[in-house]
Amino acid sequence: MNELIQYVRDENGHPIGCVLATDKGHVGWSMCHEKDQFSKSRAKVIARGRAKTGEDWVEHILSISKRRIALRKFTRVLAVAPLMTQMEERARAYFKEDA
């Protein structure tokens, strides 16, 4: 299975999340809770599932912002947004149309 994968990293360079594309328009993401141990395999499973279902990441991030959560936690989730946009562009270039 061809996939594009990029890990989200914190200010210290430690992985905290994953952005993954399985095809054009099929991009998913995951973010580890700050109290949990990050797992690359688990992050990819979650991101793959979201890519498959086509979950709207913008709506999800906006729904998180409406909840009463610490700014620190929201900042972690917000770090995914620019990577999602970049991944969508990479996926359009990487995954070619079937001939």
PDB file of N, CA and C in Angstrom:
ATOM      1  N   MET A   1       0.853  -1.184   0.000  1.00  0.00           N
ATOM      2  CA  MET A   1       0.000   0.000   0.000  1.00  0.00           C
ATOM      3  C   MET A   1       0.892   1.237   0.000  1.00  0.00           C
ATOM      4  N   ASN A   2       0.691   2.121  -0.952  1.00  0.00           N
ATOM      5  CA  ASN A   2       1.436   3.373  -0.999  1.00  0.00           C
ATOM      6  C   ASN A   2       0.786   4.384  -0.071  1.00  0.00           C
ATOM      7  N   GLU A   3       1.603   5.011   0.744  1.00  0.00           N
ATOM      8  CA  GLU A   3       1.134   6.030   1.668  1.00  0.00           C
ATOM      9  C   GLU A   3       2.184   7.125   1.774  1.00  0.00           C
ATOM     10  N   LEU A   4       1.721   8.312   2.051  1.00  0.00           N
ATOM     11  CA  LEU A   4       2.604   9.411   2.418  1.00  0.00           C
ATOM     12  C   LEU A   4       2.409   9.631   3.905  1.00  0.00           C
ATOM     13  N   ILE A   5       3.493   9.694   4.662  1.00  0.00           N
ATOM     14  CA  ILE A   5       3.405   9.824   6.112  1.00  0.00           C
ATOM     15  C   ILE A   5       4.310  10.960   6.564  1.00  0.00           C
ATOM     16  N   GLN A   6       3.790  11.783   7.466  1.00  0.00           N
ATOM     17  CA  GLN A   6       4.593  12.819   8.095  1.00  0.00           C
ATOM     18  C   GLN A   6       4.208  12.856   9.570  1.00  0.00           C
ATOM     19  N   TYR A   7       5.200  12.914  10.430  1.00  0.00           N
ATOM     20  CA  TYR A   7       4.936  12.949  11.866  1.00  0.00           C
ATOM     21  C   TYR A   7       4.898  14.387  12.357  1.00  0.00           C
ATOM     22  N   VAL A   8       3.957  14.651  13.241  1.00  0.00           N
ATOM     23  CA  VAL A   8       3.838  15.950  13.896  1.00  0.00           C
ATOM     24  C   VAL A   8       4.778  15.913  15.089  1.00  0.00           C
ATOM     25  N   ARG A   9       5.584  16.946  15.249  1.00  0.00           N
ATOM     26  CA  ARG A   9       6.558  16.967  16.340  1.00  0.00           C
ATOM     27  C   ARG A   9       6.328  18.180  17.242  1.00  0.00           C
ATOM     28  N   ASP A  10       6.664  18.001  18.527  1.00  0.00           N
ATOM     29  CA  ASP A  10       6.535  19.108  19.467  1.00  0.00           C
ATOM     30  C   ASP A  10       7.743  20.028  19.358  1.00  0.00           C
ATOM     31  N   GLU A  11       7.788  21.040  20.211  1.00  0.00           N
ATOM     32  CA  GLU A  11       8.865  22.025  20.148  1.00  0.00           C
ATOM     33  C   GLU A  11      10.242  21.426  20.435  1.00  0.00           C
ATOM     34  N   ASN A  12      10.276  20.230  21.038  1.00  0.00           N
ATOM     35  CA  ASN A  12      11.534  19.545  21.322  1.00  0.00           C
ATOM     36  C   ASN A  12      11.897  18.505  20.261  1.00  0.00           C
ATOM     37  N   GLY A  13      11.070  18.401  19.220  1.00  0.00           N
ATOM     38  CA  GLY A  13      11.340  17.459  18.146  1.00  0.00           C
ATOM     39  C   GLY A  13      10.816  16.049  18.383  1.00  0.00           C
ATOM     40  N   HIS A  14      10.067  15.851  19.469  1.00  0.00           N
ATOM     41  CA  HIS A  14       9.498  14.531  19.756  1.00  0.00           C
ATOM     42  C   HIS A  14       8.201  14.332  18.974  1.00  0.00           C
ATOM     43  N   PRO A  15       7.986  13.152  18.397  1.00  0.00           N
ATOM     44  CA  PRO A  15       6.740  12.921  17.652  1.00  0.00           C
ATOM     45  C   PRO A  15       5.535  12.910  18.598  1.00  0.00           C
ATOM     46  N   ILE A  16       4.467  13.602  18.172  1.00  0.00           N
ATOM     47  CA  ILE A  16       3.238  13.653  18.971  1.00  0.00           C
ATOM     48  C   ILE A  16       2.012  13.335  18.132  1.00  0.00           C
ATOM     49  N   GLY A  17       2.191  13.184  16.821  1.00  0.00           N
ATOM     50  CA  GLY A  17       1.056  12.910  15.958  1.00  0.00           C
ATOM     51  C   GLY A  17       1.513  12.471  14.579  1.00  0.00           C
ATOM     52  N   CYS A  18       0.522  12.235  13.716  1.00  0.00           N
ATOM     53  CA  CYS A  18       0.810  11.707  12.392  1.00  0.00           C
ATOM     54  C   CYS A  18      -0.208  12.265  11.396  1.00  0.00           C
ATOM     55  N   VAL A  19       0.279  12.610  10.217  1.00  0.00           N
ATOM     56  CA  VAL A  19      -0.576  12.991   9.094  1.00  0.00           C
ATOM     57  C   VAL A  19      -0.246  12.001   7.982  1.00  0.00           C
ATOM     58  N   LEU A  20      -1.281  11.418   7.378  1.00  0.00           N
ATOM     59  CA  LEU A  20      -1.078  10.321   6.440  1.00  0.00           C
ATOM     60  C   LEU A  20      -2.051  10.454   5.268  1.00  0.00           C
ATOM     61  N   ALA A  21      -1.548  10.217   4.051  1.00  0.00           N
ATOM     62  CA  ALA A  21      -2.404  10.226   2.855  1.00  0.00           C
ATOM     63  C   ALA A  21      -2.342   8.847   2.218  1.00  0.00           C
ATOM     64  N   THR A  22      -3.509   8.324   1.857  1.00  0.00           N
ATOM     65  CA  THR A  22      -3.579   7.036   1.178  1.00  0.00           C
ATOM     66  C   THR A  22      -3.928   7.196  -0.298  1.00  0.00           C
ATOM     67  N   ASP A  23      -4.423   8.373  -0.672  1.00  0.00           N
ATOM     68  CA  ASP A  23      -4.793   8.675  -2.055  1.00  0.00           C
ATOM     69  C   ASP A  23      -5.140  10.156  -2.120  1.00  0.00           C
ATOM     70  N   LYS A  24      -5.393  10.664  -3.327  1.00  0.00           N
ATOM     71  CA  LYS A  24      -5.844  12.046  -3.457  1.00  0.00           C
ATOM     72  C   LYS A  24      -7.147  12.205  -2.690  1.00  0.00           C
ATOM     73  N   GLY A  25      -7.217  13.214  -1.860  1.00  0.00           N
ATOM     74  CA  GLY A  25      -8.440  13.474  -1.120  1.00  0.00           C
ATOM     75  C   GLY A  25      -8.671  12.549   0.057  1.00  0.00           C
ATOM     76  N   HIS A  26      -7.736  11.667   0.343  1.00  0.00           N
ATOM     77  CA  HIS A  26      -7.867  10.742   1.472  1.00  0.00           C
ATOM     78  C   HIS A  26      -6.703  10.968   2.428  1.00  0.00           C
ATOM     79  N   VAL A  27      -6.868  11.979   3.281  1.00  0.00           N
ATOM     80  CA  VAL A  27      -5.831  12.354   4.230  1.00  0.00           C
ATOM     81  C   VAL A  27      -6.407  12.241   5.633  1.00  0.00           C
ATOM     82  N   GLY A  28      -5.644  11.630   6.525  1.00  0.00           N
ATOM     83  CA  GLY A  28      -6.075  11.480   7.912  1.00  0.00           C
ATOM     84  C   GLY A  28      -4.985  11.937   8.861  1.00  0.00           C
ATOM     85  N   TRP A  29      -5.353  12.089  10.112  1.00  0.00           N
ATOM     86  CA  TRP A  29      -4.409  12.565  11.106  1.00  0.00           C
ATOM     87  C   TRP A  29      -4.683  11.912  12.452  1.00  0.00           C
ATOM     88  N   SER A  30      -3.694  11.975  13.318  1.00  0.00           N
ATOM     89  CA  SER A  30      -3.860  11.520  14.695  1.00  0.00           C
ATOM     90  C   SER A  30      -2.975  12.377  15.582  1.00  0.00           C
ATOM     91  N   MET A  31      -3.356  12.469  16.848  1.00  0.00           N
ATOM     92  CA  MET A  31      -2.591  13.248  17.819  1.00  0.00           C
ATOM     93  C   MET A  31      -2.610  12.501  19.142  1.00  0.00           C
ATOM     94  N   CYS A  32      -1.446  12.315  19.709  1.00  0.00           N
ATOM     95  CA  CYS A  32      -1.307  11.609  20.970  1.00  0.00           C
ATOM     96  C   CYS A  32      -1.681  12.540  22.123  1.00  0.00           C
ATOM     97  N   HIS A  33      -2.419  12.031  23.100  1.00  0.00           N
ATOM     98  CA  HIS A  33      -2.710  12.794  24.309  1.00  0.00           C
ATOM     99  C   HIS A  33      -1.404  13.033  25.035  1.00  0.00           C
ATOM    100  N   GLU A  34      -1.260  14.200  25.611  1.00  0.00           N
ATOM    101  CA  GLU A  34       0.023  14.563  26.228  1.00  0.00           C
ATOM    102  C   GLU A  34       0.438  13.643  27.378  1.00  0.00           C
ATOM    103  N   LYS A  35      -0.497  12.919  27.973  1.00  0.00           N
ATOM    104  CA  LYS A  35      -0.163  12.013  29.079  1.00  0.00           C
ATOM    105  C   LYS A  35       0.161  10.601  28.610  1.00  0.00           C
ATOM    106  N   ASP A  36      -0.025  10.346  27.315  1.00  0.00           N
ATOM    107  CA  ASP A  36       0.218   9.006  26.767  1.00  0.00           C
ATOM    108  C   ASP A  36       1.592   8.925  26.108  1.00  0.00           C
ATOM    109  N   GLN A  37       2.057   7.694  25.935  1.00  0.00           N
ATOM    110  CA  GLN A  37       3.306   7.427  25.222  1.00  0.00           C
ATOM    111  C   GLN A  37       2.993   7.338  23.730  1.00  0.00           C
ATOM    112  N   PHE A  38       3.687   8.101  22.904  1.00  0.00           N
ATOM    113  CA  PHE A  38       3.447   8.096  21.464  1.00  0.00           C
ATOM    114  C   PHE A  38       3.871   6.763  20.855  1.00  0.00           C
ATOM    115  N   SER A  39       3.040   6.250  19.953  1.00  0.00           N
ATOM    116  CA  SER A  39       3.334   5.024  19.228  1.00  0.00           C
ATOM    117  C   SER A  39       3.127   5.288  17.738  1.00  0.00           C
ATOM    118  N   LYS A  40       4.192   5.129  16.947  1.00  0.00           N
ATOM    119  CA  LYS A  40       4.077   5.373  15.507  1.00  0.00           C
ATOM    120  C   LYS A  40       3.050   4.452  14.864  1.00  0.00           C
ATOM    121  N   SER A  41       3.046   3.174  15.265  1.00  0.00           N
ATOM    122  CA  SER A  41       2.104   2.238  14.645  1.00  0.00           C
ATOM    123  C   SER A  41       0.666   2.597  14.991  1.00  0.00           C
ATOM    124  N   ARG A  42       0.401   2.950  16.241  1.00  0.00           N
ATOM    125  CA  ARG A  42      -0.963   3.336  16.649  1.00  0.00           C
ATOM    126  C   ARG A  42      -1.381   4.629  15.950  1.00  0.00           C
ATOM    127  N   ALA A  43      -0.451   5.574  15.848  1.00  0.00           N
ATOM    128  CA  ALA A  43      -0.749   6.848  15.182  1.00  0.00           C
ATOM    129  C   ALA A  43      -1.148   6.618  13.731  1.00  0.00           C
ATOM    130  N   LYS A  44      -0.424   5.715  13.052  1.00  0.00           N
ATOM    131  CA  LYS A  44      -0.737   5.430  11.650  1.00  0.00           C
ATOM    132  C   LYS A  44      -2.083   4.734  11.503  1.00  0.00           C
ATOM    133  N   VAL A  45      -2.422   3.836  12.421  1.00  0.00           N
ATOM    134  CA  VAL A  45      -3.719   3.143  12.365  1.00  0.00           C
ATOM    135  C   VAL A  45      -4.858   4.163  12.486  1.00  0.00           C
ATOM    136  N   ILE A  46      -4.740   5.075  13.434  1.00  0.00           N
ATOM    137  CA  ILE A  46      -5.790   6.085  13.635  1.00  0.00           C
ATOM    138  C   ILE A  46      -5.883   7.004  12.419  1.00  0.00           C
ATOM    139  N   ALA A  47      -4.734   7.482  11.928  1.00  0.00           N
ATOM    140  CA  ALA A  47      -4.734   8.380  10.769  1.00  0.00           C
ATOM    141  C   ALA A  47      -5.282   7.682   9.527  1.00  0.00           C
ATOM    142  N   ARG A  48      -4.917   6.412   9.343  1.00  0.00           N
ATOM    143  CA  ARG A  48      -5.413   5.626   8.212  1.00  0.00           C
ATOM    144  C   ARG A  48      -6.940   5.501   8.272  1.00  0.00           C
ATOM    145  N   GLY A  49      -7.462   5.252   9.466  1.00  0.00           N
ATOM    146  CA  GLY A  49      -8.912   5.139   9.647  1.00  0.00           C
ATOM    147  C   GLY A  49      -9.621   6.433   9.305  1.00  0.00           C
ATOM    148  N   ARG A  50      -9.060   7.552   9.726  1.00  0.00           N
ATOM    149  CA  ARG A  50      -9.663   8.850   9.416  1.00  0.00           C
ATOM    150  C   ARG A  50      -9.560   9.167   7.932  1.00  0.00           C
ATOM    151  N   ALA A  51      -8.468   8.760   7.293  1.00  0.00           N
ATOM    152  CA  ALA A  51      -8.336   8.963   5.844  1.00  0.00           C
ATOM    153  C   ALA A  51      -9.390   8.150   5.107  1.00  0.00           C
ATOM    154  N   LYS A  52      -9.632   6.937   5.581  1.00  0.00           N
ATOM    155  CA  LYS A  52     -10.605   6.043   4.932  1.00  0.00           C
ATOM    156  C   LYS A  52     -12.025   6.573   5.054  1.00  0.00           C
ATOM    157  N   THR A  53     -12.381   7.095   6.236  1.00  0.00           N
ATOM    158  CA  THR A  53     -13.744   7.583   6.450  1.00  0.00           C
ATOM    159  C   THR A  53     -13.955   8.980   5.887  1.00  0.00           C
ATOM    160  N   GLY A  54     -12.866   9.676   5.581  1.00  0.00           N
ATOM    161  CA  GLY A  54     -12.985  11.018   5.031  1.00  0.00           C
ATOM    162  C   GLY A  54     -13.420  12.038   6.061  1.00  0.00           C
ATOM    163  N   GLU A  55     -13.066  11.818   7.322  1.00  0.00           N
ATOM    164  CA  GLU A  55     -13.425  12.762   8.385  1.00  0.00           C
ATOM    165  C   GLU A  55     -12.876  14.147   8.061  1.00  0.00           C
ATOM    166  N   ASP A  56     -13.710  15.151   8.190  1.00  0.00           N
ATOM    167  CA  ASP A  56     -13.310  16.527   7.896  1.00  0.00           C
ATOM    168  C   ASP A  56     -12.461  17.062   9.045  1.00  0.00           C
ATOM    169  N   TRP A  57     -11.169  17.219   8.802  1.00  0.00           N
ATOM    170  CA  TRP A  57     -10.254  17.628   9.869  1.00  0.00           C
ATOM    171  C   TRP A  57     -10.491  19.057  10.312  1.00  0.00           C
ATOM    172  N   VAL A  58     -10.920  19.931   9.419  1.00  0.00           N
ATOM    173  CA  VAL A  58     -11.178  21.322   9.797  1.00  0.00           C
ATOM    174  C   VAL A  58     -12.335  21.370  10.784  1.00  0.00           C
ATOM    175  N   GLU A  59     -13.416  20.661  10.470  1.00  0.00           N
ATOM    176  CA  GLU A  59     -14.572  20.626  11.375  1.00  0.00           C
ATOM    177  C   GLU A  59     -14.193  20.035  12.723  1.00  0.00           C
ATOM    178  N   HIS A  60     -13.372  19.009  12.717  1.00  0.00           N
ATOM    179  CA  HIS A  60     -12.960  18.370  13.969  1.00  0.00           C
ATOM    180  C   HIS A  60     -12.158  19.341  14.834  1.00  0.00           C
ATOM    181  N   ILE A  61     -11.217  20.050  14.228  1.00  0.00           N
ATOM    182  CA  ILE A  61     -10.417  21.011  14.981  1.00  0.00           C
ATOM    183  C   ILE A  61     -11.293  22.141  15.505  1.00  0.00           C
ATOM    184  N   LEU A  62     -12.247  22.612  14.697  1.00  0.00           N
ATOM    185  CA  LEU A  62     -13.157  23.658  15.160  1.00  0.00           C
ATOM    186  C   LEU A  62     -14.035  23.175  16.305  1.00  0.00           C
ATOM    187  N   SER A  63     -14.465  21.921  16.251  1.00  0.00           N
ATOM    188  CA  SER A  63     -15.285  21.399  17.343  1.00  0.00           C
ATOM    189  C   SER A  63     -14.474  21.301  18.630  1.00  0.00           C
ATOM    190  N   ILE A  64     -13.195  20.977  18.514  1.00  0.00           N
ATOM    191  CA  ILE A  64     -12.333  20.938  19.698  1.00  0.00           C
ATOM    192  C   ILE A  64     -12.183  22.341  20.276  1.00  0.00           C
ATOM    193  N   SER A  65     -12.060  23.336  19.404  1.00  0.00           N
ATOM    194  CA  SER A  65     -11.867  24.711  19.883  1.00  0.00           C
ATOM    195  C   SER A  65     -13.099  25.218  20.633  1.00  0.00           C
ATOM    196  N   LYS A  66     -14.274  24.663  20.348  1.00  0.00           N
ATOM    197  CA  LYS A  66     -15.492  25.100  21.017  1.00  0.00           C
ATOM    198  C   LYS A  66     -15.651  24.487  22.401  1.00  0.00           C
ATOM    199  N   ARG A  67     -14.937  23.383  22.644  1.00  0.00           N
ATOM    200  CA  ARG A  67     -14.980  22.762  23.956  1.00  0.00           C
ATOM    201  C   ARG A  67     -14.069  23.513  24.907  1.00  0.00           C
ATOM    202  N   ARG A  68     -14.327  23.329  26.166  1.00  0.00           N
ATOM    203  CA  ARG A  68     -13.479  23.977  27.174  1.00  0.00           C
ATOM    204  C   ARG A  68     -12.255  23.102  27.421  1.00  0.00           C
ATOM    205  N   ILE A  69     -11.221  23.386  26.689  1.00  0.00           N
ATOM    206  CA  ILE A  69      -9.977  22.651  26.866  1.00  0.00           C
ATOM    207  C   ILE A  69      -8.849  23.650  27.100  1.00  0.00           C
ATOM    208  N   ALA A  70      -7.783  23.169  27.680  1.00  0.00           N
ATOM    209  CA  ALA A  70      -6.640  24.034  27.947  1.00  0.00           C
ATOM    210  C   ALA A  70      -6.033  24.513  26.635  1.00  0.00           C
ATOM    211  N   LEU A  71      -5.569  25.729  26.632  1.00  0.00           N
ATOM    212  CA  LEU A  71      -4.937  26.303  25.445  1.00  0.00           C
ATOM    213  C   LEU A  71      -3.758  25.449  24.994  1.00  0.00           C
ATOM    214  N   ARG A  72      -3.045  24.887  25.944  1.00  0.00           N
ATOM    215  CA  ARG A  72      -1.889  24.034  25.649  1.00  0.00           C
ATOM    216  C   ARG A  72      -2.310  22.845  24.781  1.00  0.00           C
ATOM    217  N   LYS A  73      -3.448  22.227  25.123  1.00  0.00           N
ATOM    218  CA  LYS A  73      -3.940  21.077  24.359  1.00  0.00           C
ATOM    219  C   LYS A  73      -4.406  21.511  22.974  1.00  0.00           C
ATOM    220  N   PHE A  74      -5.093  22.649  22.899  1.00  0.00           N
ATOM    221  CA  PHE A  74      -5.587  23.123  21.609  1.00  0.00           C
ATOM    222  C   PHE A  74      -4.420  23.465  20.687  1.00  0.00           C
ATOM    223  N   THR A  75      -3.362  24.014  21.235  1.00  0.00           N
ATOM    224  CA  THR A  75      -2.183  24.356  20.446  1.00  0.00           C
ATOM    225  C   THR A  75      -1.575  23.108  19.826  1.00  0.00           C
ATOM    226  N   ARG A  76      -1.566  22.002  20.568  1.00  0.00           N
ATOM    227  CA  ARG A  76      -1.047  20.736  20.038  1.00  0.00           C
ATOM    228  C   ARG A  76      -1.873  20.277  18.836  1.00  0.00           C
ATOM    229  N   VAL A  77      -3.182  20.342  18.963  1.00  0.00           N
ATOM    230  CA  VAL A  77      -4.066  19.910  17.872  1.00  0.00           C
ATOM    231  C   VAL A  77      -3.958  20.854  16.691  1.00  0.00           C
ATOM    232  N   LEU A  78      -3.852  22.140  16.970  1.00  0.00           N
ATOM    233  CA  LEU A  78      -3.753  23.138  15.908  1.00  0.00           C
ATOM    234  C   LEU A  78      -2.477  22.961  15.081  1.00  0.00           C
ATOM    235  N   ALA A  79      -1.459  22.337  15.650  1.00  0.00           N
ATOM    236  CA  ALA A  79      -0.208  22.091  14.924  1.00  0.00           C
ATOM    237  C   ALA A  79      -0.427  21.193  13.711  1.00  0.00           C
ATOM    238  N   VAL A  80      -1.519  20.450  13.689  1.00  0.00           N
ATOM    239  CA  VAL A  80      -1.813  19.538  12.585  1.00  0.00           C
ATOM    240  C   VAL A  80      -2.273  20.289  11.339  1.00  0.00           C
ATOM    241  N   ALA A  81      -2.929  21.425  11.506  1.00  0.00           N
ATOM    242  CA  ALA A  81      -3.561  22.130  10.385  1.00  0.00           C
ATOM    243  C   ALA A  81      -2.624  22.420   9.217  1.00  0.00           C
ATOM    244  N   PRO A  82      -1.471  23.057   9.425  1.00  0.00           N
ATOM    245  CA  PRO A  82      -0.622  23.321   8.256  1.00  0.00           C
ATOM    246  C   PRO A  82      -0.083  22.039   7.624  1.00  0.00           C
ATOM    247  N   LEU A  83       0.145  21.012   8.430  1.00  0.00           N
ATOM    248  CA  LEU A  83       0.638  19.746   7.887  1.00  0.00           C
ATOM    249  C   LEU A  83      -0.429  19.054   7.045  1.00  0.00           C
ATOM    250  N   MET A  84      -1.689  19.195   7.441  1.00  0.00           N
ATOM    251  CA  MET A  84      -2.781  18.608   6.653  1.00  0.00           C
ATOM    252  C   MET A  84      -2.849  19.261   5.281  1.00  0.00           C
ATOM    253  N   THR A  85      -2.735  20.571   5.238  1.00  0.00           N
ATOM    254  CA  THR A  85      -2.761  21.287   3.966  1.00  0.00           C
ATOM    255  C   THR A  85      -1.584  20.866   3.087  1.00  0.00           C
ATOM    256  N   GLN A  86      -0.396  20.781   3.678  1.00  0.00           N
ATOM    257  CA  GLN A  86       0.776  20.336   2.930  1.00  0.00           C
ATOM    258  C   GLN A  86       0.594  18.909   2.414  1.00  0.00           C
ATOM    259  N   MET A  87       0.035  18.037   3.253  1.00  0.00           N
ATOM    260  CA  MET A  87      -0.148  16.640   2.866  1.00  0.00           C
ATOM    261  C   MET A  87      -1.158  16.529   1.726  1.00  0.00           C
ATOM    262  N   GLU A  88      -2.207  17.331   1.756  1.00  0.00           N
ATOM    263  CA  GLU A  88      -3.179  17.307   0.661  1.00  0.00           C
ATOM    264  C   GLU A  88      -2.509  17.687  -0.653  1.00  0.00           C
ATOM    265  N   GLU A  89      -1.627  18.684  -0.617  1.00  0.00           N
ATOM    266  CA  GLU A  89      -0.902  19.095  -1.824  1.00  0.00           C
ATOM    267  C   GLU A  89       0.061  17.995  -2.275  1.00  0.00           C
ATOM    268  N   ARG A  90       0.780  17.389  -1.334  1.00  0.00           N
ATOM    269  CA  ARG A  90       1.698  16.299  -1.676  1.00  0.00           C
ATOM    270  C   ARG A  90       0.949  15.120  -2.288  1.00  0.00           C
ATOM    271  N   ALA A  91      -0.225  14.801  -1.735  1.00  0.00           N
ATOM    272  CA  ALA A  91      -1.013  13.663  -2.225  1.00  0.00           C
ATOM    273  C   ALA A  91      -1.483  13.904  -3.652  1.00  0.00           C
ATOM    274  N   ARG A  92      -1.882  15.132  -3.962  1.00  0.00           N
ATOM    275  CA  ARG A  92      -2.308  15.451  -5.342  1.00  0.00           C
ATOM    276  C   ARG A  92      -1.163  15.225  -6.320  1.00  0.00           C
ATOM    277  N   ALA A  93       0.043  15.566  -5.916  1.00  0.00           N
ATOM    278  CA  ALA A  93       1.203  15.396  -6.806  1.00  0.00           C
ATOM    279  C   ALA A  93       1.680  13.954  -6.853  1.00  0.00           C
ATOM    280  N   TYR A  94       1.598  13.245  -5.743  1.00  0.00           N
ATOM    281  CA  TYR A  94       2.153  11.888  -5.644  1.00  0.00           C
ATOM    282  C   TYR A  94       1.260  10.834  -6.275  1.00  0.00           C
ATOM    283  N   PHE A  95      -0.020  10.878  -5.961  1.00  0.00           N
ATOM    284  CA  PHE A  95      -0.950   9.865  -6.451  1.00  0.00           C
ATOM    285  C   PHE A  95      -1.466  10.273  -7.832  1.00  0.00           C
ATOM    286  N   LYS A  96      -1.045   9.564  -8.840  1.00  0.00           N
ATOM    287  CA  LYS A  96      -1.398   9.880 -10.221  1.00  0.00           C
ATOM    288  C   LYS A  96      -2.751   9.265 -10.565  1.00  0.00           C
ATOM    289  N   GLU A  97      -3.406   9.869 -11.549  1.00  0.00           N
ATOM    290  CA  GLU A  97      -4.663   9.346 -12.074  1.00  0.00           C
ATOM    291  C   GLU A  97      -4.392   8.029 -12.787  1.00  0.00           C
ATOM    292  N   ASP A  98      -5.334   7.095 -12.695  1.00  0.00           N
ATOM    293  CA  ASP A  98      -5.196   5.828 -13.439  1.00  0.00           C
ATOM    294  C   ASP A  98      -5.360   6.106 -14.928  1.00  0.00           C
ATOM    295  N   ALA A  99      -4.517   5.492 -15.703  1.00  0.00           N
ATOM    296  CA  ALA A  99      -4.545   5.727 -17.154  1.00  0.00           C
ATOM    297  C   ALA A  99      -5.611   4.883 -17.818  1.00  0.00           C
TER     298      ALA A  99
END
